Full PDB file with SEQRES, HELIX, SHEET, SSBOND, CRYST1, ORIGX, SCALE, CONECT and MASTER records, all heavy atoms in Angstrom:
SEQRES   1 A   31  LEU LEU HIS GLY PHE SER HIS TYR LYS LEU LYS ILE GLN          
SEQRES   2 A   31  PRO LEU VAL ILE ALA VAL ASN VAL GLU ARG ALA VAL ILE          
SEQRES   3 A   31  ALA ASP ASN GLY GLN                                          
HELIX    1 AA1 ARG A   23  VAL A   25  5                                   3    
SHEET    1 AA1 2 LEU A   2  GLY A   4  0                                        
SHEET    2 AA1 2 LYS A   9  LYS A  11 -1                                        
CRYST1    1.000    1.000    1.000  90.00  90.00  90.00 P 1           1          
ORIGX1      1.000000  0.000000  0.000000        0.00000                         
ORIGX2      0.000000  1.000000  0.000000        0.00000                         
ORIGX3      0.000000  0.000000  1.000000        0.00000                         
SCALE1      1.000000  0.000000  0.000000        0.00000                         
SCALE2      0.000000  1.000000  0.000000        0.00000                         
SCALE3      0.000000  0.000000  1.000000        0.00000                         
ATOM      1  N   LEU A   1      99.152 100.246  98.714  1.00  0.00           N  
ATOM      2  CA  LEU A   1      98.796 100.467 100.116  1.00  0.00           C  
ATOM      3  C   LEU A   1      97.425  99.846 100.377  1.00  0.00           C  
ATOM      4  O   LEU A   1      96.463 100.135  99.666  1.00  0.00           O  
ATOM      5  CB  LEU A   1      98.761 101.964 100.425  1.00  0.00           C  
ATOM      6  CG  LEU A   1      98.319 102.381 101.833  1.00  0.00           C  
ATOM      7  CD1 LEU A   1      99.301 101.869 102.880  1.00  0.00           C  
ATOM      8  CD2 LEU A   1      98.198 103.903 101.925  1.00  0.00           C  
ATOM      9  N   LEU A   2      97.336  98.980 101.386  1.00  0.00           N  
ATOM     10  CA  LEU A   2      96.073  98.340 101.742  1.00  0.00           C  
ATOM     11  C   LEU A   2      95.477  99.057 102.943  1.00  0.00           C  
ATOM     12  O   LEU A   2      96.130  99.203 103.980  1.00  0.00           O  
ATOM     13  CB  LEU A   2      96.300  96.857 102.066  1.00  0.00           C  
ATOM     14  CG  LEU A   2      95.037  96.006 102.246  1.00  0.00           C  
ATOM     15  CD1 LEU A   2      94.255  95.935 100.931  1.00  0.00           C  
ATOM     16  CD2 LEU A   2      95.405  94.606 102.719  1.00  0.00           C  
ATOM     17  N   HIS A   3      94.241  99.515 102.793  1.00  0.00           N  
ATOM     18  CA  HIS A   3      93.562 100.250 103.869  1.00  0.00           C  
ATOM     19  C   HIS A   3      92.237  99.566 104.166  1.00  0.00           C  
ATOM     20  O   HIS A   3      91.455  99.265 103.256  1.00  0.00           O  
ATOM     21  CB  HIS A   3      93.333 101.705 103.458  1.00  0.00           C  
ATOM     22  CG  HIS A   3      92.789 102.553 104.562  1.00  0.00           C  
ATOM     23  ND1 HIS A   3      93.551 102.967 105.629  1.00  0.00           N  
ATOM     24  CD2 HIS A   3      91.545 103.070 104.768  1.00  0.00           C  
ATOM     25  CE1 HIS A   3      92.813 103.705 106.445  1.00  0.00           C  
ATOM     26  NE2 HIS A   3      91.595 103.782 105.941  1.00  0.00           N  
ATOM     27  N   GLY A   4      91.978  99.301 105.444  1.00  0.00           N  
ATOM     28  CA  GLY A   4      90.771  98.589 105.826  1.00  0.00           C  
ATOM     29  C   GLY A   4      89.655  99.498 106.296  1.00  0.00           C  
ATOM     30  O   GLY A   4      89.888 100.452 107.044  1.00  0.00           O  
ATOM     31  N   PHE A   5      88.439  99.210 105.863  1.00  0.00           N  
ATOM     32  CA  PHE A   5      87.234  99.855 106.353  1.00  0.00           C  
ATOM     33  C   PHE A   5      86.377  98.791 107.036  1.00  0.00           C  
ATOM     34  O   PHE A   5      86.703  97.603 107.012  1.00  0.00           O  
ATOM     35  CB  PHE A   5      86.452 100.497 105.200  1.00  0.00           C  
ATOM     36  CG  PHE A   5      87.190 101.602 104.505  1.00  0.00           C  
ATOM     37  CD1 PHE A   5      87.913 101.342 103.352  1.00  0.00           C  
ATOM     38  CD2 PHE A   5      87.174 102.891 105.002  1.00  0.00           C  
ATOM     39  CE1 PHE A   5      88.608 102.352 102.706  1.00  0.00           C  
ATOM     40  CE2 PHE A   5      87.864 103.911 104.371  1.00  0.00           C  
ATOM     41  CZ  PHE A   5      88.583 103.638 103.217  1.00  0.00           C  
ATOM     42  N   SER A   6      85.281  99.204 107.624  1.00  0.00           N  
ATOM     43  CA  SER A   6      84.452  98.239 108.347  1.00  0.00           C  
ATOM     44  C   SER A   6      83.809  97.218 107.418  1.00  0.00           C  
ATOM     45  O   SER A   6      83.554  96.083 107.821  1.00  0.00           O  
ATOM     46  CB  SER A   6      83.362  98.980 109.142  1.00  0.00           C  
ATOM     47  OG  SER A   6      82.552  99.763 108.272  1.00  0.00           O  
ATOM     48  N   HIS A   7      83.545  97.592 106.171  1.00  0.00           N  
ATOM     49  CA  HIS A   7      82.810  96.703 105.267  1.00  0.00           C  
ATOM     50  C   HIS A   7      83.621  96.219 104.075  1.00  0.00           C  
ATOM     51  O   HIS A   7      83.143  95.371 103.314  1.00  0.00           O  
ATOM     52  CB  HIS A   7      81.539  97.390 104.763  1.00  0.00           C  
ATOM     53  CG  HIS A   7      80.593  97.776 105.856  1.00  0.00           C  
ATOM     54  ND1 HIS A   7      80.028  96.849 106.709  1.00  0.00           N  
ATOM     55  CD2 HIS A   7      80.121  98.977 106.267  1.00  0.00           C  
ATOM     56  CE1 HIS A   7      79.244  97.455 107.576  1.00  0.00           C  
ATOM     57  NE2 HIS A   7      79.293  98.746 107.333  1.00  0.00           N  
ATOM     58  N   TYR A   8      84.816  96.736 103.869  1.00  0.00           N  
ATOM     59  CA  TYR A   8      85.640  96.268 102.754  1.00  0.00           C  
ATOM     60  C   TYR A   8      87.081  96.735 102.945  1.00  0.00           C  
ATOM     61  O   TYR A   8      87.392  97.540 103.825  1.00  0.00           O  
ATOM     62  CB  TYR A   8      85.097  96.755 101.407  1.00  0.00           C  
ATOM     63  CG  TYR A   8      85.164  98.253 101.191  1.00  0.00           C  
ATOM     64  CD1 TYR A   8      86.244  98.842 100.537  1.00  0.00           C  
ATOM     65  CD2 TYR A   8      84.130  99.088 101.621  1.00  0.00           C  
ATOM     66  CE1 TYR A   8      86.297 100.205 100.331  1.00  0.00           C  
ATOM     67  CE2 TYR A   8      84.174 100.445 101.419  1.00  0.00           C  
ATOM     68  CZ  TYR A   8      85.264 101.007 100.766  1.00  0.00           C  
ATOM     69  OH  TYR A   8      85.321 102.358 100.564  1.00  0.00           O  
ATOM     70  N   LYS A   9      87.950  96.185 102.108  1.00  0.00           N  
ATOM     71  CA  LYS A   9      89.343  96.613 102.085  1.00  0.00           C  
ATOM     72  C   LYS A   9      89.613  97.329 100.768  1.00  0.00           C  
ATOM     73  O   LYS A   9      89.063  96.961  99.723  1.00  0.00           O  
ATOM     74  CB  LYS A   9      90.276  95.405 102.214  1.00  0.00           C  
ATOM     75  CG  LYS A   9      90.170  94.669 103.543  1.00  0.00           C  
ATOM     76  CD  LYS A   9      91.119  93.477 103.581  1.00  0.00           C  
ATOM     77  CE  LYS A   9      91.006  92.724 104.899  1.00  0.00           C  
ATOM     78  NZ  LYS A   9      91.909  91.537 104.935  1.00  0.00           N  
ATOM     79  N   LEU A  10      90.452  98.357 100.851  1.00  0.00           N  
ATOM     80  CA  LEU A  10      90.782  99.145  99.667  1.00  0.00           C  
ATOM     81  C   LEU A  10      92.269  99.005  99.368  1.00  0.00           C  
ATOM     82  O   LEU A  10      93.109  99.317 100.209  1.00  0.00           O  
ATOM     83  CB  LEU A  10      90.425 100.617  99.892  1.00  0.00           C  
ATOM     84  CG  LEU A  10      90.714 101.562  98.718  1.00  0.00           C  
ATOM     85  CD1 LEU A  10      89.848 101.211  97.517  1.00  0.00           C  
ATOM     86  CD2 LEU A  10      90.482 103.017  99.131  1.00  0.00           C  
ATOM     87  N   LYS A  11      92.574  98.528  98.172  1.00  0.00           N  
ATOM     88  CA  LYS A  11      93.959  98.427  97.716  1.00  0.00           C  
ATOM     89  C   LYS A  11      94.255  99.630  96.828  1.00  0.00           C  
ATOM     90  O   LYS A  11      93.665  99.785  95.759  1.00  0.00           O  
ATOM     91  CB  LYS A  11      94.178  97.126  96.951  1.00  0.00           C  
ATOM     92  CG  LYS A  11      95.616  96.924  96.478  1.00  0.00           C  
ATOM     93  CD  LYS A  11      95.762  95.624  95.698  1.00  0.00           C  
ATOM     94  CE  LYS A  11      97.195  95.425  95.214  1.00  0.00           C  
ATOM     95  NZ  LYS A  11      97.329  94.168  94.431  1.00  0.00           N  
ATOM     96  N   ILE A  12      95.146 100.481  97.287  1.00  0.00           N  
ATOM     97  CA  ILE A  12      95.472 101.720  96.581  1.00  0.00           C  
ATOM     98  C   ILE A  12      96.786 101.547  95.830  1.00  0.00           C  
ATOM     99  O   ILE A  12      97.806 101.180  96.425  1.00  0.00           O  
ATOM    100  CB  ILE A  12      95.587 102.899  97.561  1.00  0.00           C  
ATOM    101  CG1 ILE A  12      94.270 103.095  98.316  1.00  0.00           C  
ATOM    102  CG2 ILE A  12      95.985 104.176  96.823  1.00  0.00           C  
ATOM    103  CD1 ILE A  12      94.368 104.110  99.450  1.00  0.00           C  
ATOM    104  N   GLN A  13      96.765 101.814  94.540  1.00  0.00           N  
ATOM    105  CA  GLN A  13      97.983 101.822  93.729  1.00  0.00           C  
ATOM    106  C   GLN A  13      98.378 103.274  93.447  1.00  0.00           C  
ATOM    107  O   GLN A  13      97.737 103.951  92.654  1.00  0.00           O  
ATOM    108  CB  GLN A  13      97.776 101.078  92.412  1.00  0.00           C  
ATOM    109  CG  GLN A  13      98.976 101.144  91.478  1.00  0.00           C  
ATOM    110  CD  GLN A  13     100.244 100.583  92.105  1.00  0.00           C  
ATOM    111  OE1 GLN A  13     100.331  99.387  92.344  1.00  0.00           O  
ATOM    112  NE2 GLN A  13     101.229 101.434  92.394  1.00  0.00           N  
ATOM    113  N   PRO A  14      99.407 103.787  94.126  1.00  0.00           N  
ATOM    114  CA  PRO A  14      99.817 105.169  93.877  1.00  0.00           C  
ATOM    115  C   PRO A  14     100.712 105.258  92.643  1.00  0.00           C  
ATOM    116  O   PRO A  14     101.556 104.392  92.395  1.00  0.00           O  
ATOM    117  CB  PRO A  14     100.609 105.535  95.145  1.00  0.00           C  
ATOM    118  CG  PRO A  14     100.492 104.340  96.058  1.00  0.00           C  
ATOM    119  CD  PRO A  14     100.164 103.163  95.213  1.00  0.00           C  
ATOM    120  N   LEU A  15     100.531 106.337  91.885  1.00  0.00           N  
ATOM    121  CA  LEU A  15     101.370 106.629  90.719  1.00  0.00           C  
ATOM    122  C   LEU A  15     101.911 108.040  90.867  1.00  0.00           C  
ATOM    123  O   LEU A  15     101.135 108.993  90.992  1.00  0.00           O  
ATOM    124  CB  LEU A  15     100.564 106.515  89.421  1.00  0.00           C  
ATOM    125  CG  LEU A  15      99.961 105.148  89.078  1.00  0.00           C  
ATOM    126  CD1 LEU A  15      99.041 105.262  87.873  1.00  0.00           C  
ATOM    127  CD2 LEU A  15     101.062 104.133  88.823  1.00  0.00           C  
ATOM    128  N   VAL A  16     103.242 108.179  90.844  1.00  0.00           N  
ATOM    129  CA  VAL A  16     103.875 109.487  90.998  1.00  0.00           C  
ATOM    130  C   VAL A  16     104.250 110.015  89.627  1.00  0.00           C  
ATOM    131  O   VAL A  16     104.899 109.318  88.835  1.00  0.00           O  
ATOM    132  CB  VAL A  16     105.129 109.390  91.887  1.00  0.00           C  
ATOM    133  CG1 VAL A  16     105.789 110.762  92.035  1.00  0.00           C  
ATOM    134  CG2 VAL A  16     104.766 108.823  93.259  1.00  0.00           C  
ATOM    135  N   ILE A  17     103.852 111.265  89.355  1.00  0.00           N  
ATOM    136  CA  ILE A  17     104.159 111.886  88.066  1.00  0.00           C  
ATOM    137  C   ILE A  17     104.632 113.312  88.303  1.00  0.00           C  
ATOM    138  O   ILE A  17     103.985 114.073  89.032  1.00  0.00           O  
ATOM    139  CB  ILE A  17     102.930 111.913  87.139  1.00  0.00           C  
ATOM    140  CG1 ILE A  17     102.336 110.510  86.980  1.00  0.00           C  
ATOM    141  CG2 ILE A  17     103.304 112.484  85.767  1.00  0.00           C  
ATOM    142  CD1 ILE A  17     101.059 110.482  86.158  1.00  0.00           C  
ATOM    143  N   ALA A  18     105.758 113.662  87.711  1.00  0.00           N  
ATOM    144  CA  ALA A  18     106.233 115.045  87.729  1.00  0.00           C  
ATOM    145  C   ALA A  18     105.592 115.775  86.560  1.00  0.00           C  
ATOM    146  O   ALA A  18     105.806 115.422  85.393  1.00  0.00           O  
ATOM    147  CB  ALA A  18     107.752 115.088  87.618  1.00  0.00           C  
ATOM    148  N   VAL A  19     104.780 116.775  86.858  1.00  0.00           N  
ATOM    149  CA  VAL A  19     104.043 117.514  85.836  1.00  0.00           C  
ATOM    150  C   VAL A  19     104.814 118.782  85.516  1.00  0.00           C  
ATOM    151  O   VAL A  19     104.852 119.716  86.318  1.00  0.00           O  
ATOM    152  CB  VAL A  19     102.618 117.850  86.327  1.00  0.00           C  
ATOM    153  CG1 VAL A  19     101.842 118.570  85.235  1.00  0.00           C  
ATOM    154  CG2 VAL A  19     101.887 116.573  86.734  1.00  0.00           C  
ATOM    155  N   ASN A  20     105.421 118.825  84.362  1.00  0.00           N  
ATOM    156  CA  ASN A  20     106.247 119.984  83.989  1.00  0.00           C  
ATOM    157  C   ASN A  20     105.414 120.992  83.218  1.00  0.00           C  
ATOM    158  O   ASN A  20     105.561 121.191  82.015  1.00  0.00           O  
ATOM    159  CB  ASN A  20     107.442 119.520  83.149  1.00  0.00           C  
ATOM    160  CG  ASN A  20     108.381 118.633  83.953  1.00  0.00           C  
ATOM    161  OD1 ASN A  20     108.687 118.934  85.103  1.00  0.00           O  
ATOM    162  ND2 ASN A  20     108.821 117.535  83.353  1.00  0.00           N  
ATOM    163  N   VAL A  21     104.482 121.613  83.909  1.00  0.00           N  
ATOM    164  CA  VAL A  21     103.627 122.632  83.300  1.00  0.00           C  
ATOM    165  C   VAL A  21     103.481 123.776  84.287  1.00  0.00           C  
ATOM    166  O   VAL A  21     103.776 123.652  85.473  1.00  0.00           O  
ATOM    167  CB  VAL A  21     102.236 122.067  82.944  1.00  0.00           C  
ATOM    168  CG1 VAL A  21     102.336 121.000  81.876  1.00  0.00           C  
ATOM    169  CG2 VAL A  21     101.547 121.517  84.187  1.00  0.00           C  
ATOM    170  N   GLU A  22     102.995 124.884  83.785  1.00  0.00           N  
ATOM    171  CA  GLU A  22     102.721 126.013  84.654  1.00  0.00           C  
ATOM    172  C   GLU A  22     101.510 125.719  85.528  1.00  0.00           C  
ATOM    173  O   GLU A  22     100.609 124.975  85.151  1.00  0.00           O  
ATOM    174  CB  GLU A  22     102.454 127.276  83.827  1.00  0.00           C  
ATOM    175  CG  GLU A  22     103.652 127.754  83.022  1.00  0.00           C  
ATOM    176  CD  GLU A  22     104.795 128.206  83.912  1.00  0.00           C  
ATOM    177  OE1 GLU A  22     104.518 128.722  85.016  1.00  0.00           O  
ATOM    178  OE2 GLU A  22     105.954 128.031  83.509  1.00  0.00           O  
ATOM    179  N   ARG A  23     101.489 126.347  86.698  1.00  0.00           N  
ATOM    180  CA  ARG A  23     100.379 126.142  87.622  1.00  0.00           C  
ATOM    181  C   ARG A  23      99.051 126.539  86.993  1.00  0.00           C  
ATOM    182  O   ARG A  23      98.018 125.958  87.282  1.00  0.00           O  
ATOM    183  CB  ARG A  23     100.638 126.955  88.888  1.00  0.00           C  
ATOM    184  CG  ARG A  23      99.544 126.804  89.949  1.00  0.00           C  
ATOM    185  CD  ARG A  23      99.869 127.634  91.179  1.00  0.00           C  
ATOM    186  NE  ARG A  23      98.815 127.516  92.179  1.00  0.00           N  
ATOM    187  CZ  ARG A  23      98.844 128.127  93.345  1.00  0.00           C  
ATOM    188  NH1 ARG A  23      99.878 128.879  93.672  1.00  0.00           N  
ATOM    189  NH2 ARG A  23      97.859 127.994  94.205  1.00  0.00           N  
ATOM    190  N   ALA A  24      99.071 127.523  86.083  1.00  0.00           N  
ATOM    191  CA  ALA A  24      97.840 128.049  85.509  1.00  0.00           C  
ATOM    192  C   ALA A  24      97.098 127.017  84.668  1.00  0.00           C  
ATOM    193  O   ALA A  24      95.929 127.197  84.347  1.00  0.00           O  
ATOM    194  CB  ALA A  24      98.145 129.272  84.649  1.00  0.00           C  
ATOM    195  N   VAL A  25      97.756 125.908  84.288  1.00  0.00           N  
ATOM    196  CA  VAL A  25      97.062 124.879  83.516  1.00  0.00           C  
ATOM    197  C   VAL A  25      95.856 124.367  84.290  1.00  0.00           C  
ATOM    198  O   VAL A  25      94.806 124.076  83.741  1.00  0.00           O  
ATOM    199  CB  VAL A  25      98.033 123.718  83.181  1.00  0.00           C  
ATOM    200  CG1 VAL A  25      97.283 122.553  82.545  1.00  0.00           C  
ATOM    201  CG2 VAL A  25      99.124 124.215  82.246  1.00  0.00           C  
ATOM    202  N   ILE A  26      96.017 124.215  85.623  1.00  0.00           N  
ATOM    203  CA  ILE A  26      94.877 123.908  86.488  1.00  0.00           C  
ATOM    204  C   ILE A  26      94.800 125.012  87.527  1.00  0.00           C  
ATOM    205  O   ILE A  26      95.657 125.111  88.397  1.00  0.00           O  
ATOM    206  CB  ILE A  26      95.029 122.542  87.180  1.00  0.00           C  
ATOM    207  CG1 ILE A  26      94.908 121.407  86.161  1.00  0.00           C  
ATOM    208  CG2 ILE A  26      93.962 122.361  88.255  1.00  0.00           C  
ATOM    209  CD1 ILE A  26      94.968 120.031  86.774  1.00  0.00           C  
ATOM    210  N   ALA A  27      93.822 125.859  87.404  1.00  0.00           N  
ATOM    211  CA  ALA A  27      93.667 126.934  88.379  1.00  0.00           C  
ATOM    212  C   ALA A  27      92.999 126.378  89.630  1.00  0.00           C  
ATOM    213  O   ALA A  27      92.135 125.509  89.561  1.00  0.00           O  
ATOM    214  CB  ALA A  27      92.826 128.063  87.783  1.00  0.00           C  
ATOM    215  N   ASP A  28      93.402 126.885  90.787  1.00  0.00           N  
ATOM    216  CA  ASP A  28      92.762 126.473  92.029  1.00  0.00           C  
ATOM    217  C   ASP A  28      91.266 126.779  91.964  1.00  0.00           C  
ATOM    218  O   ASP A  28      90.857 127.859  91.530  1.00  0.00           O  
ATOM    219  CB  ASP A  28      93.375 127.212  93.219  1.00  0.00           C  
ATOM    220  CG  ASP A  28      94.783 126.713  93.534  1.00  0.00           C  
ATOM    221  OD1 ASP A  28      95.170 125.674  92.974  1.00  0.00           O  
ATOM    222  OD2 ASP A  28      95.470 127.355  94.341  1.00  0.00           O  
ATOM    223  N   ASN A  29      90.465 125.810  92.388  1.00  0.00           N  
ATOM    224  CA  ASN A  29      89.015 125.996  92.383  1.00  0.00           C  
ATOM    225  C   ASN A  29      88.424 125.134  93.485  1.00  0.00           C  
ATOM    226  O   ASN A  29      89.149 124.600  94.325  1.00  0.00           O  
ATOM    227  CB  ASN A  29      88.428 125.652  91.010  1.00  0.00           C  
ATOM    228  CG  ASN A  29      88.794 124.235  90.576  1.00  0.00           C  
ATOM    229  OD1 ASN A  29      88.370 123.266  91.201  1.00  0.00           O  
ATOM    230  ND2 ASN A  29      89.583 124.109  89.511  1.00  0.00           N  
ATOM    231  N   GLY A  30      87.112 125.008  93.474  1.00  0.00           N  
ATOM    232  CA  GLY A  30      86.467 124.256  94.540  1.00  0.00           C  
ATOM    233  C   GLY A  30      86.748 122.773  94.520  1.00  0.00           C  
ATOM    234  O   GLY A  30      86.515 122.089  95.515  1.00  0.00           O  
ATOM    235  N   GLN A  31      87.251 122.246  93.390  1.00  0.00           N  
ATOM    236  CA  GLN A  31      87.465 120.818  93.255  1.00  0.00           C  
ATOM    237  C   GLN A  31      88.924 120.413  93.116  1.00  0.00           C  
ATOM    238  O   GLN A  31      89.291 119.284  93.447  1.00  0.00           O  
ATOM    239  CB  GLN A  31      86.685 120.295  92.034  1.00  0.00           C  
ATOM    240  CG  GLN A  31      85.192 120.546  92.110  1.00  0.00           C  
ATOM    241  CD  GLN A  31      84.559 119.967  93.366  1.00  0.00           C  
ATOM    242  OE1 GLN A  31      84.853 118.848  93.761  1.00  0.00           O  
ATOM    243  NE2 GLN A  31      83.695 120.749  94.012  1.00  0.00           N  
TER     244      GLN A  31                                                      
MASTER        0    0    0    1    2    0    0    6  243    1    0    3          
END                                                                             
């Protein structure tokens, strides 16, 4: 995905991954 800003262009390469783990592996936090 190519996204334009005023000073540069950003080419984003998305990667989709199915994570087969329990939610508790990453607990919700500020980040």
